[in-house]
C-alpha atoms as a PDB file:
ATOM      1  CA  MET A   1      35.134   8.138  59.572  1.00  0.00           C
ATOM      2  CA  ALA A   2      36.146   4.875  61.062  1.00  0.00           C
ATOM      3  CA  ALA A   3      39.175   4.803  63.277  1.00  0.00           C
ATOM      4  CA  LEU A   4      41.465   1.864  63.760  1.00  0.00           C
ATOM      5  CA  ALA A   5      41.638   0.669  67.327  1.00  0.00           C
ATOM      6  CA  PHE A   6      44.302  -1.744  68.466  1.00  0.00           C
ATOM      7  CA  THR A   7      43.944  -3.652  71.677  1.00  0.00           C
ATOM      8  CA  GLN A   8      46.914  -4.992  73.511  1.00  0.00           C
ATOM      9  CA  GLY A   9      48.065  -8.277  72.053  1.00  0.00           C
ATOM     10  CA  SER A  10      45.983  -8.165  68.887  1.00  0.00           C
ATOM     11  CA  GLU A  11      46.845  -6.825  65.480  1.00  0.00           C
ATOM     12  CA  LEU A  12      44.762  -6.586  62.375  1.00  0.00           C
ATOM     13  CA  SER A  13      45.830  -8.664  59.443  1.00  0.00           C
ATOM     14  CA  LEU A  14      47.085  -6.931  56.334  1.00  0.00           C
ATOM     15  CA  ILE A  15      43.852  -7.756  54.505  1.00  0.00           C
ATOM     16  CA  ALA A  16      41.741  -6.270  57.306  1.00  0.00           C
ATOM     17  CA  ARG A  17      43.856  -3.117  57.371  1.00  0.00           C
ATOM     18  CA  LEU A  18      43.554  -2.749  53.597  1.00  0.00           C
ATOM     19  CA  ARG A  19      39.768  -3.155  53.876  1.00  0.00           C
ATOM     20  CA  ASP A  20      39.697  -0.432  56.530  1.00  0.00           C
ATOM     21  CA  VAL A  21      41.687   1.892  54.282  1.00  0.00           C
ATOM     22  CA  ARG A  22      39.339   1.118  51.385  1.00  0.00           C
ATOM     23  CA  ASP A  23      36.276   1.753  53.561  1.00  0.00           C
ATOM     24  CA  GLN A  24      37.694   5.037  54.846  1.00  0.00           C
ATOM     25  CA  ALA A  25      38.503   6.183  51.320  1.00  0.00           C
ATOM     26  CA  SER A  26      35.038   5.218  50.155  1.00  0.00           C
ATOM     27  CA  ALA A  27      33.412   7.151  53.012  1.00  0.00           C
ATOM     28  CA  ALA A  28      35.596  10.182  52.287  1.00  0.00           C
ATOM     29  CA  LEU A  29      34.663  10.110  48.592  1.00  0.00           C
ATOM     30  CA  ALA A  30      30.961   9.807  49.434  1.00  0.00           C
ATOM     31  CA  ALA A  31      31.160  12.775  51.805  1.00  0.00           C
ATOM     32  CA  ARG A  32      33.028  14.803  49.182  1.00  0.00           C
ATOM     33  CA  ARG A  33      30.338  13.936  46.627  1.00  0.00           C
ATOM     34  CA  VAL A  34      27.612  15.180  49.006  1.00  0.00           C
ATOM     35  CA  TYR A  35      29.602  18.381  49.601  1.00  0.00           C
ATOM     36  CA  ARG A  36      30.089  19.111  45.884  1.00  0.00           C
ATOM     37  CA  THR A  37      26.458  18.289  45.016  1.00  0.00           C
ATOM     38  CA  THR A  38      25.117  20.496  47.807  1.00  0.00           C
ATOM     39  CA  LEU A  39      27.499  23.293  46.890  1.00  0.00           C
ATOM     40  CA  ASN A  40      26.554  23.187  43.198  1.00  0.00           C
ATOM     41  CA  GLU A  41      22.826  23.086  43.931  1.00  0.00           C
ATOM     42  CA  LEU A  42      23.002  26.024  46.331  1.00  0.00           C
ATOM     43  CA  TYR A  43      25.176  28.087  43.977  1.00  0.00           C
ATOM     44  CA  ALA A  44      22.541  27.548  41.279  1.00  0.00           C
ATOM     45  CA  LEU A  45      19.953  29.408  43.380  1.00  0.00           C
ATOM     46  CA  ASP A  46      19.471  33.151  43.108  1.00  0.00           C
ATOM     47  CA  ALA A  47      19.395  35.539  46.077  1.00  0.00           C
ATOM     48  CA  ARG A  48      15.618  35.369  46.420  1.00  0.00           C
ATOM     49  CA  GLU A  49      15.546  31.570  46.482  1.00  0.00           C
ATOM     50  CA  LEU A  50      18.327  31.543  49.077  1.00  0.00           C
ATOM     51  CA  ALA A  51      16.382  34.076  51.149  1.00  0.00           C
ATOM     52  CA  ASP A  52      13.344  31.778  50.988  1.00  0.00           C
ATOM     53  CA  LEU A  53      15.552  29.118  52.601  1.00  0.00           C
ATOM     54  CA  GLY A  54      16.714  31.602  55.242  1.00  0.00           C
ATOM     55  CA  MET A  55      20.185  31.807  53.757  1.00  0.00           C
ATOM     56  CA  ASN A  56      22.426  34.201  51.900  1.00  0.00           C
ATOM     57  CA  SER A  57      25.294  33.514  49.513  1.00  0.00           C
ATOM     58  CA  THR A  58      27.948  33.778  52.228  1.00  0.00           C
ATOM     59  CA  MET A  59      26.433  30.777  54.024  1.00  0.00           C
ATOM     60  CA  ILE A  60      26.612  28.327  51.121  1.00  0.00           C
ATOM     61  CA  ARG A  61      30.007  26.782  51.933  1.00  0.00           C
ATOM     62  CA  SER A  62      29.219  26.278  55.615  1.00  0.00           C
ATOM     63  CA  VAL A  63      25.835  24.710  54.809  1.00  0.00           C
ATOM     64  CA  ALA A  64      27.476  22.330  52.311  1.00  0.00           C
ATOM     65  CA  LEU A  65      30.165  21.395  54.833  1.00  0.00           C
ATOM     66  CA  GLU A  66      27.569  20.719  57.498  1.00  0.00           C
ATOM     67  CA  ALA A  67      25.506  18.611  55.074  1.00  0.00           C
ATOM     68  CA  ALA A  68      28.504  16.488  54.083  1.00  0.00           C
ATOM     69  CA  TYR A  69      30.573  16.287  57.247  1.00  0.00           C
ATOM     70  CA  GLY A  70      28.153  17.252  60.010  1.00  0.00           C
ATOM     71  CA  LYS A  71      30.182  20.253  61.123  1.00  0.00           C
ATOM     72  CA  LYS A  72      30.466  23.933  60.419  1.00  0.00           C
ATOM     73  CA  ASP A  73      33.520  25.976  59.331  1.00  0.00           C
END
């Protein structure tokens, strides 16, 4: 996510700050959508299909988190 950085002597205008908030919210919603889609698709697989991917059912949440946010539990 984008972080706001203030340098000494400069402030963002209200409009710019609102755009940053909107962009951050949009990025968060997109990441959440990737997480839910990945989670649903992996939960739809049976144990054999997961094994073919080198996974088991206990790994589904961590794989979805990594896909969406680039990090593990």
